[in-house]
Amino acid sequence: MKMSGYKRFLKTDFPSESQALIEKLSYSVNNGIEAVYGALNKNITLKDNILCTVKDISIEVDALGTPKANSTFTTGLTVQIIGLQILKVDNNTNSLGYPTTAPWISWTQVNNGIRIDHISGLVANNSHTIRLVVYG
């Protein structure tokens, strides 16, 4: 449901004895309402409004889904990671080599970020770029 427009507080909408107070408060209140109104009208983004980071990583896995090289990456988050979500997978080796199933990542949080332990569904021995959301 889309929010309807909002009405700003104007000192002239109040009795004269309240106008000085309304004038002092209206700037802060109107700006706050405008920010909430804007956010609730399709302006909430993952990168700016949610405790997460969007990250592109390059990875190649063997036939069992085990990364063939170091698979640790930094997140920039300083909190406990609660999960990862795959947004996109590109096969860099073969543009017609699509995931065989929905990719799923097994991972471990380490001091400097996330270590990918296993990824199912990728084409073995092909280089992939994976776009992830890492949630804190």
Protein backbone atom coordinates (compact mmCIF):
# COMPACT_ATOMS: atom_id res chain seq x y z
CA MET A 1 0.00 0.00 0.00
CA LYS A 2 1.43 3.36 -0.99
CA MET A 3 1.31 6.05 1.66
CA SER A 4 -0.80 9.08 0.93
CA GLY A 5 0.75 12.53 1.04
CA TYR A 6 1.47 14.15 4.36
CA LYS A 7 0.70 17.61 5.66
CA ARG A 8 3.50 19.71 7.06
CA PHE A 9 3.08 21.53 10.37
CA LEU A 10 2.59 25.24 9.69
CA LYS A 11 2.42 27.80 12.47
CA THR A 12 -0.55 29.47 10.77
CA ASP A 13 -2.61 26.28 11.32
CA PHE A 14 -2.51 26.87 15.09
CA PRO A 15 -3.88 29.52 17.43
CA SER A 16 -1.70 32.64 17.70
CA GLU A 17 -0.64 31.82 21.27
CA SER A 18 0.88 28.49 20.04
CA GLN A 19 2.52 29.76 16.85
CA ALA A 20 5.91 30.61 18.37
CA LEU A 21 6.27 27.09 19.78
CA ILE A 22 5.03 25.46 16.56
CA GLU A 23 7.50 27.53 14.55
CA LYS A 24 10.37 26.26 16.75
CA LEU A 25 9.27 22.61 16.57
CA SER A 26 7.98 22.42 13.01
CA TYR A 27 11.38 22.35 11.28
CA SER A 28 12.53 19.23 13.17
CA VAL A 29 9.14 17.51 13.11
CA ASN A 30 8.54 18.21 9.40
CA ASN A 31 12.03 16.97 8.42
CA GLY A 32 11.58 13.81 10.49
CA ILE A 33 8.18 13.06 8.96
CA GLU A 34 9.56 13.73 5.48
CA ALA A 35 12.39 11.22 6.05
CA VAL A 36 10.00 8.51 7.29
CA TYR A 37 7.54 9.23 4.48
CA GLY A 38 10.34 8.98 1.90
CA ALA A 39 11.69 5.73 3.37
CA LEU A 40 8.28 4.08 3.38
CA ASN A 41 7.68 5.04 -0.25
CA LYS A 42 10.26 2.68 -1.80
CA ASN A 43 13.39 4.44 -0.59
CA ILE A 44 14.77 1.83 1.81
CA THR A 45 17.91 0.28 0.38
CA LEU A 46 20.03 -2.65 1.48
CA LYS A 47 23.28 -0.71 1.37
CA ASP A 48 22.06 2.42 3.15
CA ASN A 49 19.34 1.26 5.53
CA ILE A 50 19.92 -2.37 6.51
CA LEU A 51 22.75 -3.75 8.67
CA CYS A 52 24.40 -5.61 5.81
CA THR A 53 26.97 -5.33 3.06
CA VAL A 54 26.62 -6.25 -0.60
CA LYS A 55 29.76 -7.95 -1.85
CA ASP A 56 30.95 -9.43 -5.15
CA ILE A 57 33.40 -12.30 -4.77
CA SER A 58 35.22 -14.40 -7.35
CA ILE A 59 35.42 -18.10 -6.66
CA GLU A 60 36.07 -21.44 -8.34
CA VAL A 61 34.97 -24.72 -6.78
CA ASP A 62 35.87 -28.35 -7.41
CA ALA A 63 33.36 -31.11 -8.21
CA LEU A 64 32.40 -31.35 -4.51
CA GLY A 65 31.76 -27.60 -4.18
CA THR A 66 34.93 -26.92 -2.19
CA PRO A 67 36.71 -23.67 -3.07
CA LYS A 68 39.93 -24.28 -5.00
CA ALA A 69 41.71 -21.25 -3.47
CA ASN A 70 41.50 -19.02 -0.42
CA SER A 71 37.87 -18.09 -0.01
CA THR A 72 38.03 -15.56 2.81
CA PHE A 73 36.69 -12.04 2.27
CA THR A 74 36.11 -9.02 4.47
CA THR A 75 32.65 -7.67 5.16
CA GLY A 76 33.24 -4.28 6.75
CA LEU A 77 30.75 -5.28 9.47
CA THR A 78 31.81 -5.35 13.10
CA VAL A 79 28.94 -7.48 14.36
CA GLN A 80 28.04 -11.17 14.43
CA ILE A 81 27.03 -12.25 10.92
CA ILE A 82 23.61 -13.92 10.87
CA GLY A 83 23.54 -15.08 7.26
CA LEU A 84 24.43 -14.74 3.61
CA GLN A 85 22.09 -14.45 0.64
CA ILE A 86 23.07 -15.00 -2.99
CA LEU A 87 21.69 -12.35 -5.32
CA LYS A 88 23.47 -13.22 -8.55
CA VAL A 89 25.87 -15.77 -10.05
CA ASP A 90 27.90 -15.16 -13.20
CA ASN A 91 30.00 -17.87 -14.81
CA ASN A 92 33.19 -16.12 -15.99
CA THR A 93 34.56 -19.20 -17.79
CA ASN A 94 31.52 -20.17 -19.83
CA SER A 95 28.66 -17.70 -20.26
CA LEU A 96 26.34 -20.65 -20.99
CA GLY A 97 27.40 -22.56 -17.86
CA TYR A 98 24.55 -21.94 -15.46
CA PRO A 99 24.26 -23.18 -11.87
CA THR A 100 23.09 -26.79 -11.76
CA THR A 101 20.86 -26.11 -8.71
CA ALA A 102 20.10 -23.11 -6.56
CA PRO A 103 23.51 -22.24 -5.08
CA TRP A 104 23.87 -22.66 -1.34
CA ILE A 105 26.83 -21.46 0.72
CA SER A 106 28.26 -23.02 3.86
CA TRP A 107 30.45 -20.47 5.61
CA THR A 108 32.32 -19.65 8.81
CA GLN A 109 32.81 -16.22 10.37
CA VAL A 110 36.49 -15.58 11.00
CA ASN A 111 38.28 -12.62 12.61
CA ASN A 112 38.72 -10.71 9.38
CA GLY A 113 35.44 -11.63 7.68
CA ILE A 114 33.81 -14.69 6.15
CA ARG A 115 35.38 -17.92 4.92
CA ILE A 116 33.42 -19.84 2.28
CA ASP A 117 33.64 -23.54 3.15
CA HIS A 118 31.41 -24.96 0.41
CA ILE A 119 29.10 -23.80 -2.38
CA SER A 120 26.66 -26.21 -3.98
CA GLY A 121 25.17 -25.70 -7.43
CA LEU A 122 28.09 -24.07 -9.23
CA VAL A 123 29.68 -25.50 -12.37
CA ALA A 124 32.86 -27.24 -11.18
CA ASN A 125 36.23 -25.87 -12.26
CA ASN A 126 34.69 -22.67 -13.68
CA SER A 127 35.41 -19.21 -12.33
CA HIS A 128 32.30 -17.49 -10.94
CA THR A 129 31.46 -14.03 -9.65
CA ILE A 130 28.87 -14.21 -6.90
CA ARG A 131 26.98 -11.20 -5.53
CA LEU A 132 26.14 -11.75 -1.86
CA VAL A 133 24.33 -9.88 0.84
CA VAL A 134 26.01 -10.41 4.22
CA TYR A 135 23.58 -9.66 7.05
CA GLY A 136 24.66 -8.53 10.51
